[in-house]
C-alpha atoms as a PDB file:
ATOM      1  CA  MET A   1       0.026   0.025   0.023  1.00  0.00           C
ATOM      2  CA  ALA A   2       1.406   3.358  -0.995  1.00  0.00           C
ATOM      3  CA  GLU A   3       2.041   5.899   1.756  1.00  0.00           C
ATOM      4  CA  THR A   4       0.241   9.218   1.472  1.00  0.00           C
ATOM      5  CA  LYS A   5       1.988  12.488   1.767  1.00  0.00           C
ATOM      6  CA  TRP A   6       0.645  13.039   5.284  1.00  0.00           C
ATOM      7  CA  GLU A   7       1.989   9.580   6.362  1.00  0.00           C
ATOM      8  CA  LYS A   8       5.496  10.296   4.970  1.00  0.00           C
ATOM      9  CA  ASN A   9       5.507  13.735   6.663  1.00  0.00           C
ATOM     10  CA  HIS A  10       3.986  12.598  10.012  1.00  0.00           C
ATOM     11  CA  PRO A  11       5.286   9.020  10.607  1.00  0.00           C
ATOM     12  CA  ARG A  12       4.938   9.150  14.480  1.00  0.00           C
ATOM     13  CA  ARG A  13       1.309  10.436  14.243  1.00  0.00           C
ATOM     14  CA  ASP A  14       0.581   7.874  11.558  1.00  0.00           C
ATOM     15  CA  GLN A  15       1.808   5.125  13.731  1.00  0.00           C
ATOM     16  CA  VAL A  16      -0.180   6.178  16.659  1.00  0.00           C
ATOM     17  CA  ASN A  17      -3.326   6.671  14.682  1.00  0.00           C
ATOM     18  CA  ASP A  18      -2.902   3.305  12.771  1.00  0.00           C
ATOM     19  CA  ARG A  19      -2.554   1.651  16.286  1.00  0.00           C
ATOM     20  CA  LEU A  20      -5.849   3.335  17.490  1.00  0.00           C
ATOM     21  CA  GLU A  21      -7.533   2.216  14.343  1.00  0.00           C
ATOM     22  CA  ARG A  22      -6.508  -1.392  14.973  1.00  0.00           C
ATOM     23  CA  GLN A  23      -7.583  -1.261  18.601  1.00  0.00           C
ATOM     24  CA  ASN A  24     -10.946  -0.008  17.505  1.00  0.00           C
ATOM     25  CA  ARG A  25     -11.366  -3.061  15.223  1.00  0.00           C
ATOM     26  CA  ARG A  26     -10.246  -5.259  17.980  1.00  0.00           C
ATOM     27  CA  ILE A  27     -12.935  -3.745  20.274  1.00  0.00           C
ATOM     28  CA  THR A  28     -15.507  -4.247  17.582  1.00  0.00           C
ATOM     29  CA  GLN A  29     -14.594  -7.885  17.046  1.00  0.00           C
ATOM     30  CA  GLU A  30     -14.446  -8.531  20.856  1.00  0.00           C
ATOM     31  CA  ARG A  31     -17.921  -6.960  21.201  1.00  0.00           C
ATOM     32  CA  LYS A  32     -19.320  -9.044  18.385  1.00  0.00           C
ATOM     33  CA  GLU A  33     -17.796 -12.104  19.964  1.00  0.00           C
ATOM     34  CA  GLY A  34     -19.361 -11.350  23.190  1.00  0.00           C
ATOM     35  CA  GLU A  35     -16.036 -11.161  24.993  1.00  0.00           C
ATOM     36  CA  ILE A  36     -16.728  -7.533  26.224  1.00  0.00           C
ATOM     37  CA  THR A  37     -20.060  -5.763  27.066  1.00  0.00           C
ATOM     38  CA  LYS A  38     -21.450  -2.732  25.263  1.00  0.00           C
ATOM     39  CA  GLN A  39     -20.472  -0.644  28.205  1.00  0.00           C
ATOM     40  CA  GLN A  40     -16.921  -1.977  28.207  1.00  0.00           C
ATOM     41  CA  ALA A  41     -16.584  -1.364  24.569  1.00  0.00           C
ATOM     42  CA  GLN A  42     -18.034   2.261  25.067  1.00  0.00           C
ATOM     43  CA  ALA A  43     -15.512   2.823  27.867  1.00  0.00           C
ATOM     44  CA  LEU A  44     -12.521   1.485  25.875  1.00  0.00           C
ATOM     45  CA  ARG A  45     -13.563   3.707  22.871  1.00  0.00           C
ATOM     46  CA  LYS A  46     -13.841   6.789  25.161  1.00  0.00           C
ATOM     47  CA  GLU A  47     -10.170   6.093  26.196  1.00  0.00           C
ATOM     48  CA  ASP A  48      -9.013   5.790  22.621  1.00  0.00           C
ATOM     49  CA  ARG A  49     -10.725   9.087  21.844  1.00  0.00           C
ATOM     50  CA  GLN A  50      -8.920  10.704  24.710  1.00  0.00           C
ATOM     51  CA  ILE A  51      -5.575   9.491  23.351  1.00  0.00           C
ATOM     52  CA  ARG A  52      -6.401  10.599  19.838  1.00  0.00           C
ATOM     53  CA  GLN A  53      -7.253  13.968  21.228  1.00  0.00           C
ATOM     54  CA  GLU A  54      -4.072  14.200  23.177  1.00  0.00           C
ATOM     55  CA  GLU A  55      -2.152  13.347  20.049  1.00  0.00           C
ATOM     56  CA  ARG A  56      -3.777  16.073  18.187  1.00  0.00           C
ATOM     57  CA  ASP A  57      -3.064  18.509  21.080  1.00  0.00           C
ATOM     58  CA  MET A  58       0.520  17.541  21.141  1.00  0.00           C
ATOM     59  CA  ALA A  59       0.898  18.086  17.481  1.00  0.00           C
ATOM     60  CA  ALA A  60      -0.820  21.415  17.560  1.00  0.00           C
ATOM     61  CA  GLN A  61       2.028  22.483  19.831  1.00  0.00           C
ATOM     62  CA  ASN A  62       4.732  21.443  17.452  1.00  0.00           C
ATOM     63  CA  HIS A  63       3.655  22.582  14.029  1.00  0.00           C
ATOM     64  CA  GLY A  64       1.850  19.276  13.290  1.00  0.00           C
ATOM     65  CA  HIS A  65       4.282  16.942  14.595  1.00  0.00           C
ATOM     66  CA  ILE A  66       4.802  14.874  17.720  1.00  0.00           C
ATOM     67  CA  THR A  67       8.164  14.123  19.325  1.00  0.00           C
ATOM     68  CA  ARG A  68       9.608  10.699  19.930  1.00  0.00           C
ATOM     69  CA  ALA A  69       8.932  11.123  23.742  1.00  0.00           C
ATOM     70  CA  GLU A  70       5.252  12.128  23.124  1.00  0.00           C
ATOM     71  CA  GLN A  71       4.764   9.032  20.868  1.00  0.00           C
ATOM     72  CA  ARG A  72       6.258   6.961  23.601  1.00  0.00           C
ATOM     73  CA  VAL A  73       3.723   8.304  26.082  1.00  0.00           C
ATOM     74  CA  LEU A  74       0.890   7.782  23.706  1.00  0.00           C
ATOM     75  CA  ASN A  75       2.072   4.209  23.064  1.00  0.00           C
ATOM     76  CA  GLN A  76       2.153   3.526  26.766  1.00  0.00           C
ATOM     77  CA  GLN A  77      -1.503   4.686  26.994  1.00  0.00           C
ATOM     78  CA  GLU A  78      -2.473   2.475  24.044  1.00  0.00           C
ATOM     79  CA  ASN A  79      -0.777  -0.423  25.825  1.00  0.00           C
ATOM     80  CA  ALA A  80      -2.903   0.161  28.754  1.00  0.00           C
ATOM     81  CA  VAL A  81      -6.099   0.124  26.635  1.00  0.00           C
ATOM     82  CA  SER A  82      -5.002  -2.842  24.658  1.00  0.00           C
ATOM     83  CA  LYS A  83      -4.506  -4.953  27.831  1.00  0.00           C
ATOM     84  CA  GLN A  84      -8.195  -4.234  28.638  1.00  0.00           C
ATOM     85  CA  ILE A  85      -9.563  -5.500  25.288  1.00  0.00           C
ATOM     86  CA  GLY A  86     -10.935  -9.011  25.483  1.00  0.00           C
ATOM     87  CA  LYS A  87     -10.018  -9.637  29.250  1.00  0.00           C
END
């Protein structure tokens, strides 16, 4: 799959957002399979929305980019949500 110009110019943000998309698909799958309740899915999606908003806020402070340290913080937050999916 060809990278878009945005993906090339913002690789850290792209990685964070791609991971959020994959987690959302996992939440949907786990909900369909009955592994998590509707309320759990809503709570997990809320956490992911907060991470996405934090990513946008970080980027807004740095001309549309996030630093390596900021990416690490976001990934740690995503790790915490990921561990809750399908418990």
